[in-house]
Amino acid sequence: MPATSTSSLPAAAALTDEVTLDQAEQLGYPSRFTLRRYIRRGLLPARMVGNSYRVRVSELATLDQRVASTPLSGEVQAQVEVAANALRDLHPDELTAALISLRSRLRAGAPV
């Protein structure tokens, strides 16, 4: 996650230490859709102000640690291992293309 200082925050966020999900995305954190998913899963504390979430910058800064420590189900872990083994034998250019394709599919919400 990017390091943040009050000088890099939007003006309103510098005063409150809280940002909207759109502001967090502009700071280089995951998309607002991903952040909402983390909030629903309990990985990212947030509060509602009107109809939008506000999150503390300090919570965003430690988000990587919480997400990385969330265990995968056995089925998902097995699928990840199968995919990793299949990718291991690819040429670096093929691997790059495969990862770009996967990222695009995930962002579009398409089945992987």
C-alpha atoms as a PDB file:
ATOM      1  CA  MET A   1       0.000   0.000   0.000  1.00  0.00           C
ATOM      2  CA  PRO A   2       1.196   3.513  -0.636  1.00  0.00           C
ATOM      3  CA  ALA A   3       2.626   5.542   2.202  1.00  0.00           C
ATOM      4  CA  THR A   4       0.527   8.585   2.919  1.00  0.00           C
ATOM      5  CA  SER A   5       1.254  11.859   4.569  1.00  0.00           C
ATOM      6  CA  THR A   6      -1.155  14.650   5.223  1.00  0.00           C
ATOM      7  CA  SER A   7       0.411  16.601   2.363  1.00  0.00           C
ATOM      8  CA  SER A   8      -0.700  13.966  -0.159  1.00  0.00           C
ATOM      9  CA  LEU A   9      -4.285  13.726   1.109  1.00  0.00           C
ATOM     10  CA  PRO A  10      -7.204  15.671  -0.320  1.00  0.00           C
ATOM     11  CA  ALA A  11      -7.801  18.852   1.739  1.00  0.00           C
ATOM     12  CA  ALA A  12     -10.875  17.537   3.587  1.00  0.00           C
ATOM     13  CA  ALA A  13      -9.155  14.255   4.412  1.00  0.00           C
ATOM     14  CA  ALA A  14      -6.114  16.017   5.865  1.00  0.00           C
ATOM     15  CA  LEU A  15      -8.401  17.598   8.468  1.00  0.00           C
ATOM     16  CA  THR A  16     -10.285  14.459   9.478  1.00  0.00           C
ATOM     17  CA  ASP A  17      -7.882  11.553   8.796  1.00  0.00           C
ATOM     18  CA  GLU A  18     -10.830   9.970   6.975  1.00  0.00           C
ATOM     19  CA  VAL A  19     -11.361   9.598   3.260  1.00  0.00           C
ATOM     20  CA  THR A  20     -14.179   8.464   1.026  1.00  0.00           C
ATOM     21  CA  LEU A  21     -13.685   5.300  -0.992  1.00  0.00           C
ATOM     22  CA  ASP A  22     -13.178   7.401  -4.134  1.00  0.00           C
ATOM     23  CA  GLN A  23     -10.472   9.434  -2.385  1.00  0.00           C
ATOM     24  CA  ALA A  24      -8.806   6.222  -1.181  1.00  0.00           C
ATOM     25  CA  GLU A  25      -8.765   4.948  -4.757  1.00  0.00           C
ATOM     26  CA  GLN A  26      -7.189   8.226  -5.925  1.00  0.00           C
ATOM     27  CA  LEU A  27      -4.479   7.727  -3.287  1.00  0.00           C
ATOM     28  CA  GLY A  28      -3.562   4.401  -4.892  1.00  0.00           C
ATOM     29  CA  TYR A  29      -5.525   1.954  -2.757  1.00  0.00           C
ATOM     30  CA  PRO A  30      -7.750  -0.719  -4.349  1.00  0.00           C
ATOM     31  CA  SER A  31     -10.866   0.337  -6.243  1.00  0.00           C
ATOM     32  CA  ARG A  32     -13.911   1.519  -4.326  1.00  0.00           C
ATOM     33  CA  PHE A  33     -15.654  -1.714  -5.306  1.00  0.00           C
ATOM     34  CA  THR A  34     -12.899  -3.803  -3.728  1.00  0.00           C
ATOM     35  CA  LEU A  35     -12.871  -1.573  -0.645  1.00  0.00           C
ATOM     36  CA  ARG A  36     -16.655  -2.042  -0.273  1.00  0.00           C
ATOM     37  CA  ARG A  37     -16.134  -5.798  -0.455  1.00  0.00           C
ATOM     38  CA  TYR A  38     -13.484  -5.577   2.287  1.00  0.00           C
ATOM     39  CA  ILE A  39     -15.889  -3.516   4.415  1.00  0.00           C
ATOM     40  CA  ARG A  40     -18.679  -6.107   3.962  1.00  0.00           C
ATOM     41  CA  ARG A  41     -16.253  -8.907   4.908  1.00  0.00           C
ATOM     42  CA  GLY A  42     -15.164  -7.042   8.031  1.00  0.00           C
ATOM     43  CA  LEU A  43     -11.594  -6.547   6.802  1.00  0.00           C
ATOM     44  CA  LEU A  44     -11.839  -2.758   6.658  1.00  0.00           C
ATOM     45  CA  PRO A  45     -13.569  -0.755   9.406  1.00  0.00           C
ATOM     46  CA  ALA A  46     -15.654   2.097   8.028  1.00  0.00           C
ATOM     47  CA  ARG A  47     -18.541   4.334   8.938  1.00  0.00           C
ATOM     48  CA  MET A  48     -21.390   5.676   6.870  1.00  0.00           C
ATOM     49  CA  VAL A  49     -21.743   9.411   6.389  1.00  0.00           C
ATOM     50  CA  GLY A  50     -24.920  10.042   4.458  1.00  0.00           C
ATOM     51  CA  ASN A  51     -24.839   7.407   1.743  1.00  0.00           C
ATOM     52  CA  SER A  52     -21.082   6.953   1.469  1.00  0.00           C
ATOM     53  CA  TYR A  53     -18.432   5.170   3.483  1.00  0.00           C
ATOM     54  CA  ARG A  54     -15.596   6.923   5.273  1.00  0.00           C
ATOM     55  CA  VAL A  55     -12.440   5.038   6.222  1.00  0.00           C
ATOM     56  CA  ARG A  56      -9.489   6.102   8.321  1.00  0.00           C
ATOM     57  CA  VAL A  57      -6.219   6.496   6.436  1.00  0.00           C
ATOM     58  CA  SER A  58      -4.513   4.512   9.211  1.00  0.00           C
ATOM     59  CA  GLU A  59      -6.868   1.567   8.524  1.00  0.00           C
ATOM     60  CA  LEU A  60      -6.039   1.720   4.820  1.00  0.00           C
ATOM     61  CA  ALA A  61      -2.329   1.704   5.630  1.00  0.00           C
ATOM     62  CA  THR A  62      -2.656  -1.641   7.439  1.00  0.00           C
ATOM     63  CA  LEU A  63      -5.135  -3.149   4.981  1.00  0.00           C
ATOM     64  CA  ASP A  64      -2.538  -5.281   3.169  1.00  0.00           C
ATOM     65  CA  GLN A  65      -1.665  -7.114   6.369  1.00  0.00           C
ATOM     66  CA  ARG A  66      -5.310  -7.917   7.172  1.00  0.00           C
ATOM     67  CA  VAL A  67      -6.143  -9.075   3.631  1.00  0.00           C
ATOM     68  CA  ALA A  68      -2.984 -11.205   3.352  1.00  0.00           C
ATOM     69  CA  SER A  69      -3.695 -12.907   6.672  1.00  0.00           C
ATOM     70  CA  THR A  70      -7.263 -13.869   5.706  1.00  0.00           C
ATOM     71  CA  PRO A  71      -7.214 -17.637   5.133  1.00  0.00           C
ATOM     72  CA  LEU A  72      -8.510 -19.076   1.868  1.00  0.00           C
ATOM     73  CA  SER A  73     -10.977 -21.937   1.914  1.00  0.00           C
ATOM     74  CA  GLY A  74      -9.512 -25.344   1.078  1.00  0.00           C
ATOM     75  CA  GLU A  75     -11.203 -25.387  -2.328  1.00  0.00           C
ATOM     76  CA  VAL A  76      -9.923 -21.930  -3.262  1.00  0.00           C
ATOM     77  CA  GLN A  77      -6.423 -22.764  -2.034  1.00  0.00           C
ATOM     78  CA  ALA A  78      -6.420 -25.913  -4.200  1.00  0.00           C
ATOM     79  CA  GLN A  79      -7.518 -23.904  -7.244  1.00  0.00           C
ATOM     80  CA  VAL A  80      -4.788 -21.334  -6.625  1.00  0.00           C
ATOM     81  CA  GLU A  81      -2.156 -24.069  -6.417  1.00  0.00           C
ATOM     82  CA  VAL A  82      -3.361 -25.680  -9.673  1.00  0.00           C
ATOM     83  CA  ALA A  83      -3.252 -22.301 -11.422  1.00  0.00           C
ATOM     84  CA  ALA A  84       0.196 -21.496 -10.022  1.00  0.00           C
ATOM     85  CA  ASN A  85       1.545 -24.843 -11.251  1.00  0.00           C
ATOM     86  CA  ALA A  86       0.084 -24.257 -14.723  1.00  0.00           C
ATOM     87  CA  LEU A  87       1.632 -20.777 -14.891  1.00  0.00           C
ATOM     88  CA  ARG A  88       5.044 -21.948 -13.701  1.00  0.00           C
ATOM     89  CA  ASP A  89       5.947 -23.408 -17.122  1.00  0.00           C
ATOM     90  CA  LEU A  90       4.958 -20.364 -19.176  1.00  0.00           C
ATOM     91  CA  HIS A  91       7.433 -18.120 -20.938  1.00  0.00           C
ATOM     92  CA  PRO A  92       7.632 -14.734 -19.135  1.00  0.00           C
ATOM     93  CA  ASP A  93       5.792 -12.992 -21.991  1.00  0.00           C
ATOM     94  CA  GLU A  94       3.014 -15.589 -21.862  1.00  0.00           C
ATOM     95  CA  LEU A  95       2.817 -15.230 -18.080  1.00  0.00           C
ATOM     96  CA  THR A  96       2.496 -11.458 -18.361  1.00  0.00           C
ATOM     97  CA  ALA A  97      -0.284 -11.805 -20.946  1.00  0.00           C
ATOM     98  CA  ALA A  98      -2.098 -14.369 -18.775  1.00  0.00           C
ATOM     99  CA  LEU A  99      -1.949 -12.130 -15.707  1.00  0.00           C
ATOM    100  CA  ILE A 100      -3.153  -9.080 -17.653  1.00  0.00           C
ATOM    101  CA  SER A 101      -6.045 -11.115 -19.025  1.00  0.00           C
ATOM    102  CA  LEU A 102      -6.917 -12.390 -15.551  1.00  0.00           C
ATOM    103  CA  ARG A 103      -6.853  -8.871 -14.107  1.00  0.00           C
ATOM    104  CA  SER A 104      -9.135  -7.617 -16.885  1.00  0.00           C
ATOM    105  CA  ARG A 105     -11.587 -10.464 -16.346  1.00  0.00           C
ATOM    106  CA  LEU A 106     -11.657  -9.887 -12.597  1.00  0.00           C
ATOM    107  CA  ARG A 107     -12.235  -6.154 -13.029  1.00  0.00           C
ATOM    108  CA  ALA A 108     -15.053  -6.831 -15.492  1.00  0.00           C
ATOM    109  CA  GLY A 109     -16.643  -9.330 -13.127  1.00  0.00           C
ATOM    110  CA  ALA A 110     -16.343 -12.109 -15.691  1.00  0.00           C
ATOM    111  CA  PRO A 111     -15.956 -15.718 -14.538  1.00  0.00           C
ATOM    112  CA  VAL A 112     -12.335 -16.741 -14.381  1.00  0.00           C
END
